[in-house]
Protein backbone atom coordinates (compact mmCIF):
# COMPACT_ATOMS: atom_id res chain seq x y z
CA MET A 1 0.00 0.00 0.00
CA SER A 2 1.27 3.47 -0.82
CA TYR A 3 -0.11 6.84 0.13
CA LYS A 4 0.28 10.55 -0.53
CA MET A 5 -0.48 13.72 1.40
CA PHE A 6 -2.55 16.53 -0.09
CA ASN A 7 -3.11 19.74 1.88
CA GLY A 8 -2.70 17.83 5.14
CA TRP A 9 -4.94 14.88 4.23
CA LYS A 10 -3.88 11.31 3.53
CA PHE A 11 -5.04 9.64 0.30
CA PRO A 12 -4.25 6.40 -1.54
CA GLU A 13 -1.37 7.09 -3.92
CA TYR A 14 -3.52 6.35 -6.97
CA GLU A 15 -6.34 8.78 -6.04
CA THR A 16 -6.89 11.48 -8.67
CA ARG A 17 -10.61 12.28 -8.47
CA LEU A 18 -11.32 13.01 -4.80
CA LEU A 19 -8.56 15.45 -3.83
CA ALA A 20 -11.21 17.93 -2.68
CA ILE A 21 -9.23 19.71 0.03
CA ASP A 22 -8.51 23.43 0.00
CA GLU A 23 -5.21 25.03 1.01
CA GLN A 24 -6.47 25.46 4.58
CA GLY A 25 -7.10 21.72 4.86
CA ASN A 26 -10.90 21.94 4.64
CA SER A 27 -13.00 19.47 2.69
CA ILE A 28 -14.63 21.06 -0.34
CA TYR A 29 -16.10 17.78 -1.57
CA SER A 30 -19.10 18.35 -3.86
CA GLY A 31 -21.20 15.84 -1.93
CA LEU A 32 -21.31 18.20 1.03
CA LYS A 33 -23.98 20.30 -0.68
CA HIS A 34 -26.42 17.38 -0.45
CA ILE A 35 -25.58 16.89 3.20
CA GLU A 36 -26.26 20.58 3.81
CA LEU A 37 -29.69 20.15 2.21
CA SER A 38 -30.37 17.29 4.61
CA LEU A 39 -29.35 18.98 7.84
CA PRO A 40 -32.40 21.27 8.30
CA PHE A 41 -34.53 18.13 8.58
CA VAL A 42 -32.37 16.56 11.30
CA LYS A 43 -34.17 16.98 14.63
CA ASN A 44 -31.33 16.01 16.96
CA TYR A 45 -27.62 16.15 16.21
CA GLY A 46 -26.79 13.08 18.23
CA THR A 47 -25.67 10.11 16.11
CA MET A 48 -24.73 10.03 12.43
CA LEU A 49 -23.64 7.04 10.35
CA ASP A 50 -21.41 7.74 7.36
CA VAL A 51 -21.65 4.55 5.32
CA GLY A 52 -19.08 4.65 2.57
CA ALA A 53 -16.98 7.29 4.29
CA ASN A 54 -14.00 6.98 1.96
CA VAL A 55 -11.18 9.13 3.42
CA GLY A 56 -13.51 11.29 5.53
CA LEU A 57 -14.51 14.07 3.15
CA ILE A 58 -17.96 14.23 4.78
CA THR A 59 -17.16 12.74 8.19
CA VAL A 60 -14.60 15.40 9.10
CA PRO A 61 -16.77 18.49 8.49
CA MET A 62 -19.81 16.82 10.07
CA ALA A 63 -17.87 15.97 13.24
CA SER A 64 -18.38 19.53 14.46
CA LYS A 65 -22.17 19.11 14.19
CA PHE A 66 -22.90 15.63 15.57
CA LYS A 67 -22.10 14.25 19.01
CA LYS A 68 -21.09 10.87 17.57
CA ILE A 69 -20.24 9.66 14.07
CA TYR A 70 -19.59 6.08 13.02
CA ALA A 71 -17.65 6.17 9.74
CA PHE A 72 -17.58 2.95 7.71
CA GLU A 73 -15.04 2.16 5.00
CA CYS A 74 -14.30 -1.37 3.81
CA VAL A 75 -11.28 -0.98 1.50
CA PRO A 76 -8.17 -1.37 3.69
CA GLU A 77 -5.96 1.32 2.11
CA THR A 78 -8.84 3.80 1.99
CA TYR A 79 -9.71 2.97 5.58
CA GLU A 80 -6.13 3.72 6.64
CA CYS A 81 -6.56 7.22 5.17
CA LEU A 82 -9.93 7.65 6.93
CA ARG A 83 -8.39 6.60 10.23
CA TYR A 84 -5.50 9.05 9.77
CA ASN A 85 -7.71 11.95 8.69
CA THR A 86 -10.04 11.56 11.68
CA ALA A 87 -7.44 10.67 14.32
CA ASN A 88 -7.87 13.96 16.21
CA LEU A 89 -11.68 13.75 16.30
CA THR A 90 -12.68 12.08 19.55
CA ASN A 91 -16.35 11.78 18.58
CA VAL A 92 -15.61 9.81 15.39
CA GLU A 93 -15.35 6.03 15.44
CA THR A 94 -14.01 4.47 12.25
CA VAL A 95 -15.08 0.95 11.28
CA ASN A 96 -13.27 -1.15 8.68
CA VAL A 97 -16.21 -3.21 7.39
CA ALA A 98 -18.62 -3.31 4.47
CA VAL A 99 -22.12 -2.42 5.64
CA SER A 100 -24.53 -4.90 4.10
CA ASP A 101 -27.63 -6.99 4.78
CA LYS A 102 -25.68 -9.90 6.22
CA GLU A 103 -22.95 -10.67 8.72
CA GLY A 104 -19.80 -12.39 7.51
CA THR A 105 -17.68 -11.56 4.49
CA VAL A 106 -18.33 -10.02 1.08
CA LYS A 107 -16.31 -9.28 -2.04
CA VAL A 108 -15.55 -5.65 -2.83
CA ALA A 109 -14.22 -4.56 -6.22
CA ILE A 110 -12.44 -1.43 -7.39
CA PRO A 111 -12.55 -0.70 -11.15
CA LYS A 112 -9.38 -0.22 -13.18
CA SER A 113 -8.65 1.37 -16.55
CA ASP A 114 -5.64 0.15 -18.51
CA GLY A 115 -4.49 -1.63 -15.39
CA VAL A 116 -4.69 1.46 -13.18
CA ILE A 117 -7.06 2.36 -10.31
CA HIS A 118 -8.02 6.02 -10.58
CA SER A 119 -10.35 6.55 -7.61
CA SER A 120 -11.07 4.91 -4.28
CA GLY A 121 -14.59 6.30 -4.46
CA TRP A 122 -15.79 3.77 -7.01
CA ALA A 123 -15.30 0.67 -4.85
CA SER A 124 -18.47 -1.41 -4.56
CA ILE A 125 -19.83 -4.64 -3.09
CA SER A 126 -22.72 -4.58 -5.58
CA GLU A 127 -22.54 -7.55 -7.95
CA ASP A 128 -24.52 -5.56 -10.52
CA ARG A 129 -21.96 -2.75 -10.43
CA GLN A 130 -19.03 -5.15 -10.47
CA GLY A 131 -20.48 -6.95 -13.48
CA ILE A 132 -20.10 -3.93 -15.77
CA TRP A 133 -16.38 -3.52 -15.09
CA GLU A 134 -14.02 -5.36 -17.43
CA GLU A 135 -10.99 -4.60 -15.24
CA LYS A 136 -11.10 -4.64 -11.46
CA ASP A 137 -9.29 -5.62 -8.30
CA ILE A 138 -11.34 -7.81 -5.97
CA ILE A 139 -10.75 -8.43 -2.27
CA GLU A 140 -12.79 -10.10 0.46
CA VAL A 141 -13.73 -7.99 3.47
CA ARG A 142 -15.77 -8.37 6.63
CA SER A 143 -19.42 -7.32 6.45
CA GLN A 144 -22.00 -6.36 9.06
CA THR A 145 -25.48 -4.91 9.32
CA ILE A 146 -26.45 -1.67 11.00
CA ASP A 147 -29.14 -3.53 12.94
CA SER A 148 -26.40 -5.62 14.58
CA MET A 149 -24.97 -2.46 16.20
CA ASN A 150 -27.95 -2.14 18.58
CA LEU A 151 -27.63 1.64 18.55
CA ASP A 152 -29.11 3.80 21.30
CA SER A 153 -30.01 6.50 18.77
CA LEU A 154 -29.67 7.40 15.09
CA ASP A 155 -30.45 10.84 13.70
CA PHE A 156 -28.83 10.90 10.27
CA LEU A 157 -27.91 8.07 7.92
CA LYS A 158 -25.74 8.91 4.91
CA VAL A 159 -25.14 6.11 2.40
CA ASP A 160 -22.77 6.26 -0.58
CA VAL A 161 -21.87 2.72 -1.59
CA GLU A 162 -22.02 2.63 -5.38
CA GLN A 163 -25.26 0.74 -6.08
CA ALA A 164 -25.23 -1.34 -2.86
CA GLU A 165 -27.61 1.04 -1.06
CA MET A 166 -30.42 -1.53 -0.91
CA MET A 167 -28.15 -3.95 0.93
CA VAL A 168 -27.37 -1.28 3.52
CA ILE A 169 -31.03 -0.31 4.00
CA ARG A 170 -32.21 -3.92 4.31
CA GLY A 171 -29.64 -4.51 7.02
CA ALA A 172 -30.71 -1.33 8.81
CA ILE A 173 -34.47 -1.57 8.47
CA ASN A 174 -35.23 -2.27 12.14
CA THR A 175 -32.96 0.58 13.27
CA ILE A 176 -34.61 2.91 10.76
CA LYS A 177 -38.09 1.96 11.96
CA LYS A 178 -37.06 2.54 15.57
CA PHE A 179 -35.30 5.91 15.26
CA ARG A 180 -36.68 7.40 12.00
CA PRO A 181 -33.41 9.12 10.95
CA VAL A 182 -33.06 11.46 7.99
CA ILE A 183 -31.60 9.32 5.17
CA GLU A 184 -29.44 10.58 2.28
CA PHE A 185 -28.21 8.35 -0.53
CA GLU A 186 -27.24 8.37 -4.20
CA ASN A 187 -29.79 7.77 -6.93
CA LYS A 188 -27.62 8.33 -9.98
CA ARG A 189 -29.03 6.72 -13.11
CA ARG A 190 -32.17 6.18 -10.97
CA GLU A 191 -30.52 2.99 -9.73
CA ASN A 192 -32.10 3.15 -6.27
CA LEU A 193 -35.78 3.46 -7.07
CA GLU A 194 -36.34 0.21 -5.14
CA VAL A 195 -34.78 1.80 -2.07
CA ILE A 196 -37.16 4.74 -2.38
CA ALA A 197 -40.11 2.36 -2.75
CA LEU A 198 -39.06 0.32 0.30
CA LEU A 199 -38.69 3.41 2.46
CA ASN A 200 -42.07 4.65 1.22
CA THR A 201 -43.67 1.51 2.72
CA ILE A 202 -42.45 2.48 6.21
CA GLY A 203 -43.57 6.09 6.05
CA TYR A 204 -40.64 7.86 4.37
CA ASN A 205 -40.91 10.43 1.62
CA ILE A 206 -38.52 12.53 -0.42
CA ILE A 207 -38.08 16.02 1.04
CA PRO A 208 -40.14 18.86 -0.46
CA GLY A 209 -38.62 20.36 -3.58
CA ARG A 210 -36.71 17.21 -4.59
CA LYS A 211 -37.73 14.73 -7.26
CA VAL A 212 -37.39 10.96 -7.59
CA LYS A 213 -35.06 11.48 -10.54
CA SER A 214 -32.63 13.61 -8.50
CA SER A 215 -29.10 12.17 -8.45
CA GLU A 216 -29.04 12.47 -4.65
CA CYS A 217 -32.05 11.42 -2.60
CA ILE A 218 -32.97 12.80 0.82
CA MET A 219 -35.84 11.09 2.63
CA ILE A 220 -37.59 11.88 5.90
CA SER A 221 -40.20 10.10 7.97
CA ASP A 222 -43.80 11.26 8.18
């Protein structure tokens, strides 16, 4: 494993796409704008789960808002960067697992182009996503469900796992029903319409002003 530093943050050496750190060391990751849209709907800033935390581009700025953040990243070299970038944040707990709908192990793949990995952010445990990649590195990692955590509270659930969102939600459904957190997840290419439909059945709806076809989905409980 090899790494590089960029404006005070640690990244995998191969990363070219997610170097979203300004000269002051602040995350300027584009995904933060969707998080900011979600925050007005959060009732209590107690516990947040960042599922698919990558190197901490969302976890780090959100650590000043939430009392506790669990940040999940399953790819070992990316996790090492997440751990380094959050080391001074006492309210952040990093977890090196793939969040899924089962306990055990799962295969995660990272796509390659001409033999080279270009971004840690494209890693996925989704077999559908993996199936479209001609070149990829595959490793086996530990998996767990959110329900297995037996949380005391959950106020905000952010999920960015490259087409494996349904697996995360299925494994969190009892926790979601219990705590009714605000939920934010990707819906690029409208690939998570089934997730929206499932959450609809337990009283969740997309926030006012957003559409089903939006690339980022924010859902709140009735």
